[in-house]
N, C-alpha and C. Protein backbone atom coordinates (compact mmCIF):
# COMPACT_ATOMS: atom_id res chain seq x y z
N MET A 1 74.71 102.46 123.02
CA MET A 1 75.64 101.69 123.84
C MET A 1 74.90 101.22 125.10
N PRO A 2 75.01 99.95 125.44
CA PRO A 2 74.30 99.45 126.63
C PRO A 2 74.85 100.06 127.91
N PRO A 3 74.01 100.16 128.96
CA PRO A 3 74.47 100.69 130.23
C PRO A 3 75.66 99.90 130.77
N LEU A 4 76.55 100.62 131.45
CA LEU A 4 77.75 100.03 132.04
C LEU A 4 77.54 99.85 133.54
N ILE A 5 77.71 98.62 134.01
CA ILE A 5 77.54 98.29 135.43
C ILE A 5 78.88 97.85 136.00
N LEU A 6 79.20 98.38 137.18
CA LEU A 6 80.37 97.94 137.93
C LEU A 6 79.86 97.05 139.06
N LEU A 7 80.22 95.77 139.03
CA LEU A 7 79.80 94.80 140.03
C LEU A 7 80.94 94.59 141.01
N VAL A 8 80.70 94.91 142.28
CA VAL A 8 81.73 94.83 143.32
C VAL A 8 81.34 93.77 144.33
N ASP A 9 82.14 92.70 144.40
CA ASP A 9 81.88 91.62 145.36
C ASP A 9 83.17 90.87 145.62
N ASP A 10 83.40 90.50 146.87
CA ASP A 10 84.63 89.79 147.20
C ASP A 10 84.54 88.29 146.88
N ASP A 11 83.35 87.80 146.59
CA ASP A 11 83.16 86.39 146.26
C ASP A 11 83.34 86.20 144.75
N ILE A 12 84.36 85.43 144.39
CA ILE A 12 84.68 85.24 142.97
C ILE A 12 83.53 84.60 142.20
N LEU A 13 82.79 83.71 142.84
CA LEU A 13 81.67 83.05 142.18
C LEU A 13 80.56 84.06 141.87
N ILE A 14 80.26 84.93 142.83
CA ILE A 14 79.24 85.96 142.60
C ILE A 14 79.70 86.91 141.51
N ARG A 15 80.98 87.28 141.52
CA ARG A 15 81.49 88.17 140.47
C ARG A 15 81.37 87.53 139.09
N SER A 16 81.81 86.28 138.98
CA SER A 16 81.81 85.66 137.65
C SER A 16 80.39 85.34 137.17
N LEU A 17 79.56 84.78 138.04
CA LEU A 17 78.19 84.47 137.64
C LEU A 17 77.38 85.75 137.43
N GLY A 18 77.62 86.75 138.31
CA GLY A 18 76.92 88.02 138.17
C GLY A 18 77.27 88.71 136.86
N LYS A 19 78.56 88.70 136.51
CA LYS A 19 79.00 89.30 135.25
C LYS A 19 78.34 88.60 134.07
N GLU A 20 78.34 87.27 134.10
CA GLU A 20 77.74 86.50 133.02
C GLU A 20 76.24 86.80 132.91
N LEU A 21 75.56 86.84 134.03
CA LEU A 21 74.12 87.11 134.05
C LEU A 21 73.82 88.51 133.52
N LEU A 22 74.55 89.49 134.02
CA LEU A 22 74.32 90.87 133.60
C LEU A 22 74.62 91.07 132.12
N GLU A 23 75.67 90.42 131.62
CA GLU A 23 75.97 90.51 130.19
C GLU A 23 74.87 89.84 129.38
N HIS A 24 74.34 88.73 129.88
CA HIS A 24 73.23 88.05 129.20
C HIS A 24 72.00 88.97 129.12
N LEU A 25 71.83 89.81 130.15
CA LEU A 25 70.70 90.75 130.18
C LEU A 25 70.96 91.98 129.30
N GLY A 26 72.16 92.06 128.71
CA GLY A 26 72.45 93.12 127.75
C GLY A 26 73.28 94.27 128.28
N TYR A 27 73.85 94.13 129.46
CA TYR A 27 74.66 95.21 130.03
C TYR A 27 76.15 94.99 129.76
N GLN A 28 76.91 96.09 129.73
CA GLN A 28 78.37 96.00 129.77
C GLN A 28 78.71 95.87 131.25
N VAL A 29 79.70 95.06 131.57
CA VAL A 29 80.00 94.81 132.98
C VAL A 29 81.50 94.84 133.24
N GLU A 30 81.87 95.54 134.28
CA GLU A 30 83.22 95.51 134.84
C GLU A 30 83.06 94.98 136.26
N VAL A 31 84.10 94.33 136.79
CA VAL A 31 84.02 93.78 138.13
C VAL A 31 85.18 94.27 138.98
N ALA A 32 84.97 94.23 140.31
CA ALA A 32 86.01 94.55 141.27
C ALA A 32 85.79 93.66 142.49
N GLN A 33 86.91 93.28 143.13
CA GLN A 33 86.81 92.33 144.24
C GLN A 33 86.80 92.99 145.62
N ASP A 34 87.12 94.28 145.68
CA ASP A 34 87.10 94.97 146.98
C ASP A 34 86.90 96.47 146.73
N GLY A 35 86.82 97.20 147.82
CA GLY A 35 86.55 98.63 147.72
C GLY A 35 87.60 99.41 146.97
N GLN A 36 88.86 99.14 147.24
CA GLN A 36 89.92 99.89 146.57
C GLN A 36 89.92 99.63 145.07
N GLU A 37 89.76 98.36 144.70
CA GLU A 37 89.70 98.05 143.27
C GLU A 37 88.47 98.71 142.64
N ALA A 38 87.36 98.74 143.36
CA ALA A 38 86.15 99.39 142.85
C ALA A 38 86.40 100.86 142.55
N LEU A 39 87.07 101.54 143.48
CA LEU A 39 87.37 102.95 143.28
C LEU A 39 88.31 103.16 142.11
N ASP A 40 89.31 102.29 142.00
CA ASP A 40 90.26 102.38 140.88
C ASP A 40 89.56 102.18 139.54
N VAL A 41 88.72 101.14 139.46
CA VAL A 41 88.01 100.84 138.21
C VAL A 41 87.04 101.99 137.88
N PHE A 42 86.33 102.48 138.90
CA PHE A 42 85.38 103.57 138.71
C PHE A 42 86.07 104.79 138.12
N GLN A 43 87.24 105.14 138.67
CA GLN A 43 87.97 106.30 138.18
C GLN A 43 88.53 106.05 136.77
N ARG A 44 89.00 104.85 136.53
CA ARG A 44 89.55 104.51 135.21
C ARG A 44 88.47 104.60 134.13
N LEU A 45 87.27 104.11 134.44
CA LEU A 45 86.21 104.08 133.45
C LEU A 45 85.68 105.48 133.13
N GLY A 46 85.63 106.33 134.12
CA GLY A 46 85.14 107.68 133.90
C GLY A 46 83.63 107.80 133.80
N ARG A 47 82.96 106.74 133.41
CA ARG A 47 81.49 106.73 133.30
C ARG A 47 80.98 105.36 133.69
N VAL A 48 80.13 105.33 134.69
CA VAL A 48 79.49 104.08 135.10
C VAL A 48 78.02 104.41 135.31
N ASP A 49 77.14 103.61 134.73
CA ASP A 49 75.71 103.88 134.87
C ASP A 49 75.16 103.38 136.20
N LEU A 50 75.77 102.33 136.73
CA LEU A 50 75.28 101.75 137.99
C LEU A 50 76.41 100.95 138.64
N VAL A 51 76.52 101.08 139.96
CA VAL A 51 77.43 100.25 140.73
C VAL A 51 76.57 99.32 141.59
N ILE A 52 76.81 98.02 141.48
CA ILE A 52 76.17 97.05 142.37
C ILE A 52 77.25 96.70 143.39
N LEU A 53 77.04 97.12 144.63
CA LEU A 53 78.07 97.10 145.65
C LEU A 53 77.71 96.17 146.81
N ASP A 54 78.54 95.17 147.03
CA ASP A 54 78.37 94.28 148.17
C ASP A 54 78.55 95.09 149.45
N TYR A 55 77.68 94.89 150.40
CA TYR A 55 77.73 95.64 151.66
C TYR A 55 78.89 95.19 152.54
N TYR A 56 79.14 93.89 152.55
CA TYR A 56 80.20 93.34 153.40
C TYR A 56 81.43 93.02 152.55
N LEU A 57 82.41 93.92 152.60
CA LEU A 57 83.64 93.75 151.84
C LEU A 57 84.82 93.74 152.81
N PRO A 58 85.89 93.05 152.45
CA PRO A 58 87.09 93.11 153.30
C PRO A 58 87.73 94.49 153.23
N GLY A 59 88.35 94.91 154.30
CA GLY A 59 88.98 96.23 154.31
C GLY A 59 87.92 97.30 154.46
N ARG A 60 87.73 98.09 153.41
CA ARG A 60 86.71 99.14 153.44
C ARG A 60 85.35 98.51 153.18
N ASP A 61 84.43 98.66 154.14
CA ASP A 61 83.11 98.05 153.96
C ASP A 61 82.27 98.85 152.95
N GLY A 62 81.12 98.31 152.64
CA GLY A 62 80.26 98.91 151.63
C GLY A 62 79.89 100.36 151.91
N LEU A 63 79.65 100.70 153.19
CA LEU A 63 79.30 102.08 153.52
C LEU A 63 80.45 103.03 153.22
N GLN A 64 81.66 102.61 153.55
CA GLN A 64 82.82 103.45 153.27
C GLN A 64 83.03 103.62 151.77
N VAL A 65 82.86 102.53 151.03
CA VAL A 65 83.03 102.59 149.58
C VAL A 65 81.93 103.45 148.96
N LEU A 66 80.71 103.34 149.47
CA LEU A 66 79.61 104.19 149.01
C LEU A 66 79.97 105.67 149.20
N GLN A 67 80.49 106.02 150.36
CA GLN A 67 80.91 107.40 150.62
C GLN A 67 82.01 107.83 149.65
N ASP A 68 82.97 106.95 149.43
CA ASP A 68 84.08 107.27 148.53
C ASP A 68 83.58 107.48 147.10
N LEU A 69 82.69 106.61 146.65
CA LEU A 69 82.14 106.75 145.29
C LEU A 69 81.38 108.06 145.15
N ARG A 70 80.59 108.39 146.17
CA ARG A 70 79.81 109.64 146.12
C ARG A 70 80.71 110.87 146.17
N ALA A 71 81.88 110.74 146.82
CA ALA A 71 82.84 111.84 146.83
C ALA A 71 83.44 112.05 145.44
N LEU A 72 83.60 110.96 144.69
CA LEU A 72 84.14 111.05 143.33
C LEU A 72 83.09 111.56 142.35
N ASP A 73 81.83 111.15 142.58
CA ASP A 73 80.73 111.53 141.68
C ASP A 73 79.44 111.53 142.50
N ALA A 74 78.97 112.71 142.82
CA ALA A 74 77.77 112.85 143.66
C ALA A 74 76.53 112.25 143.01
N GLN A 75 76.57 112.06 141.69
CA GLN A 75 75.41 111.53 140.96
C GLN A 75 75.47 110.01 140.76
N VAL A 76 76.52 109.36 141.25
CA VAL A 76 76.67 107.93 141.02
C VAL A 76 75.46 107.17 141.59
N ARG A 77 75.02 106.19 140.83
CA ARG A 77 73.90 105.35 141.28
C ARG A 77 74.50 104.05 141.83
N VAL A 78 74.23 103.81 143.12
CA VAL A 78 74.77 102.64 143.79
C VAL A 78 73.62 101.80 144.34
N LEU A 79 73.59 100.54 143.91
CA LEU A 79 72.63 99.56 144.40
C LEU A 79 73.41 98.66 145.35
N VAL A 80 73.06 98.68 146.64
CA VAL A 80 73.77 97.90 147.64
C VAL A 80 73.17 96.50 147.69
N ALA A 81 74.06 95.50 147.79
CA ALA A 81 73.63 94.10 147.81
C ALA A 81 74.17 93.40 149.06
N SER A 82 73.35 92.51 149.64
CA SER A 82 73.80 91.75 150.80
C SER A 82 72.88 90.55 151.01
N GLY A 83 73.44 89.51 151.60
CA GLY A 83 72.65 88.34 151.95
C GLY A 83 71.94 88.54 153.28
N PHE A 84 72.53 89.34 154.15
CA PHE A 84 71.95 89.65 155.46
C PHE A 84 72.04 91.14 155.65
N PHE A 85 70.94 91.76 156.02
CA PHE A 85 70.94 93.20 156.13
C PHE A 85 69.88 93.66 157.12
N PRO A 86 70.29 94.19 158.26
CA PRO A 86 69.32 94.70 159.24
C PRO A 86 68.53 95.87 158.66
N ALA A 87 67.26 95.96 159.01
CA ALA A 87 66.38 97.00 158.49
C ALA A 87 66.91 98.40 158.75
N GLU A 88 67.52 98.62 159.92
CA GLU A 88 68.02 99.97 160.22
C GLU A 88 69.15 100.37 159.29
N ASP A 89 69.89 99.39 158.78
CA ASP A 89 70.97 99.70 157.84
C ASP A 89 70.43 100.13 156.48
N VAL A 90 69.25 99.65 156.11
CA VAL A 90 68.63 100.08 154.86
C VAL A 90 68.39 101.58 154.91
N THR A 91 67.90 102.07 156.04
CA THR A 91 67.68 103.50 156.22
C THR A 91 69.00 104.25 156.10
N ARG A 92 70.04 103.70 156.70
CA ARG A 92 71.36 104.34 156.68
C ARG A 92 71.91 104.48 155.26
N ILE A 93 71.84 103.39 154.48
CA ILE A 93 72.40 103.47 153.13
C ILE A 93 71.58 104.41 152.25
N ARG A 94 70.27 104.47 152.50
CA ARG A 94 69.43 105.41 151.75
C ARG A 94 69.85 106.84 152.07
N GLU A 95 70.04 107.13 153.35
CA GLU A 95 70.46 108.47 153.77
C GLU A 95 71.83 108.83 153.21
N MET A 96 72.68 107.82 153.00
CA MET A 96 74.04 108.06 152.48
C MET A 96 74.08 108.18 150.97
N GLY A 97 72.92 107.99 150.31
CA GLY A 97 72.86 108.25 148.89
C GLY A 97 72.73 107.04 147.98
N ALA A 98 72.61 105.83 148.56
CA ALA A 98 72.38 104.66 147.70
C ALA A 98 71.01 104.80 147.04
N VAL A 99 70.88 104.27 145.83
CA VAL A 99 69.60 104.37 145.12
C VAL A 99 68.73 103.13 145.31
N GLY A 100 69.30 102.10 145.95
CA GLY A 100 68.50 100.91 146.16
C GLY A 100 69.26 99.83 146.90
N PHE A 101 68.54 98.75 147.15
CA PHE A 101 69.09 97.62 147.87
C PHE A 101 68.52 96.34 147.28
N ILE A 102 69.34 95.29 147.25
CA ILE A 102 68.87 93.99 146.78
C ILE A 102 69.52 92.89 147.61
N TYR A 103 68.72 91.87 147.93
CA TYR A 103 69.24 90.73 148.69
C TYR A 103 69.94 89.74 147.77
N LYS A 104 71.01 89.14 148.29
CA LYS A 104 71.69 88.03 147.62
C LYS A 104 71.23 86.75 148.30
N PRO A 105 71.21 85.63 147.62
CA PRO A 105 71.56 85.47 146.21
C PRO A 105 70.53 86.16 145.31
N TYR A 106 71.03 86.67 144.20
CA TYR A 106 70.17 87.39 143.27
C TYR A 106 69.17 86.46 142.62
N ARG A 107 67.94 86.95 142.52
CA ARG A 107 66.94 86.28 141.68
C ARG A 107 66.92 87.08 140.38
N VAL A 108 67.03 86.40 139.27
CA VAL A 108 67.19 87.06 137.97
C VAL A 108 66.12 88.12 137.74
N THR A 109 64.86 87.77 137.93
CA THR A 109 63.78 88.73 137.64
C THR A 109 63.84 89.92 138.59
N GLU A 110 64.17 89.68 139.86
CA GLU A 110 64.26 90.77 140.82
C GLU A 110 65.44 91.69 140.48
N LEU A 111 66.58 91.09 140.16
CA LEU A 111 67.77 91.87 139.81
C LEU A 111 67.50 92.70 138.56
N GLU A 112 66.96 92.08 137.55
CA GLU A 112 66.67 92.79 136.30
C GLU A 112 65.70 93.95 136.54
N GLY A 113 64.65 93.69 137.32
CA GLY A 113 63.66 94.73 137.62
C GLY A 113 64.25 95.88 138.41
N ARG A 114 65.07 95.54 139.41
CA ARG A 114 65.67 96.57 140.26
C ARG A 114 66.63 97.44 139.44
N ILE A 115 67.42 96.82 138.59
CA ILE A 115 68.35 97.58 137.75
C ILE A 115 67.57 98.51 136.83
N ARG A 116 66.53 97.99 136.21
CA ARG A 116 65.72 98.80 135.30
C ARG A 116 65.13 100.01 136.04
N GLN A 117 64.58 99.77 137.25
CA GLN A 117 64.01 100.86 138.07
C GLN A 117 65.04 101.95 138.30
N VAL A 118 66.20 101.54 138.78
CA VAL A 118 67.25 102.48 139.15
C VAL A 118 67.76 103.25 137.93
N LEU A 119 67.95 102.57 136.81
CA LEU A 119 68.45 103.24 135.61
C LEU A 119 67.41 104.24 135.06
N GLN A 120 66.14 104.01 135.38
CA GLN A 120 65.08 104.94 134.94
C GLN A 120 64.85 106.05 135.96
N GLY A 121 65.69 106.07 137.01
CA GLY A 121 65.60 107.16 137.97
C GLY A 121 64.64 106.92 139.13
N MET A 122 64.09 105.72 139.25
CA MET A 122 63.21 105.40 140.35
C MET A 122 64.00 104.82 141.51
N SER A 123 63.37 104.78 142.67
CA SER A 123 64.01 104.21 143.85
C SER A 123 64.07 102.71 143.73
N GLY A 124 65.19 102.15 144.18
CA GLY A 124 65.36 100.70 144.17
C GLY A 124 65.25 100.11 145.57
N PHE A 125 64.48 100.77 146.43
CA PHE A 125 64.27 100.25 147.80
C PHE A 125 62.93 99.58 147.90
């Protein structure tokens, strides 16, 4: 069974194109538009191999959602995504348990490589 990825982004275009791209790369994909929906989907699925989490979300931001996901499953692999990200925040998300970071807009080869790294247990920073 292919790895299951939960893609969390408030931008409908990123969600739809990201889902299509990830499915083309051979992954199963579920999507969520905000932190609460991400938590609901994560709990409903029971097993997620990777969460790609937008850092800037309405309501609960990416850091809060990262904490919530880790509270539900300490082993969850979360790759944080953002178009703008201060260097000091990269250190913060690493300390909070994220397995990697990727800049948006996604470049296909970079996204594919980062996902592969993280799923193989390597750092995605």
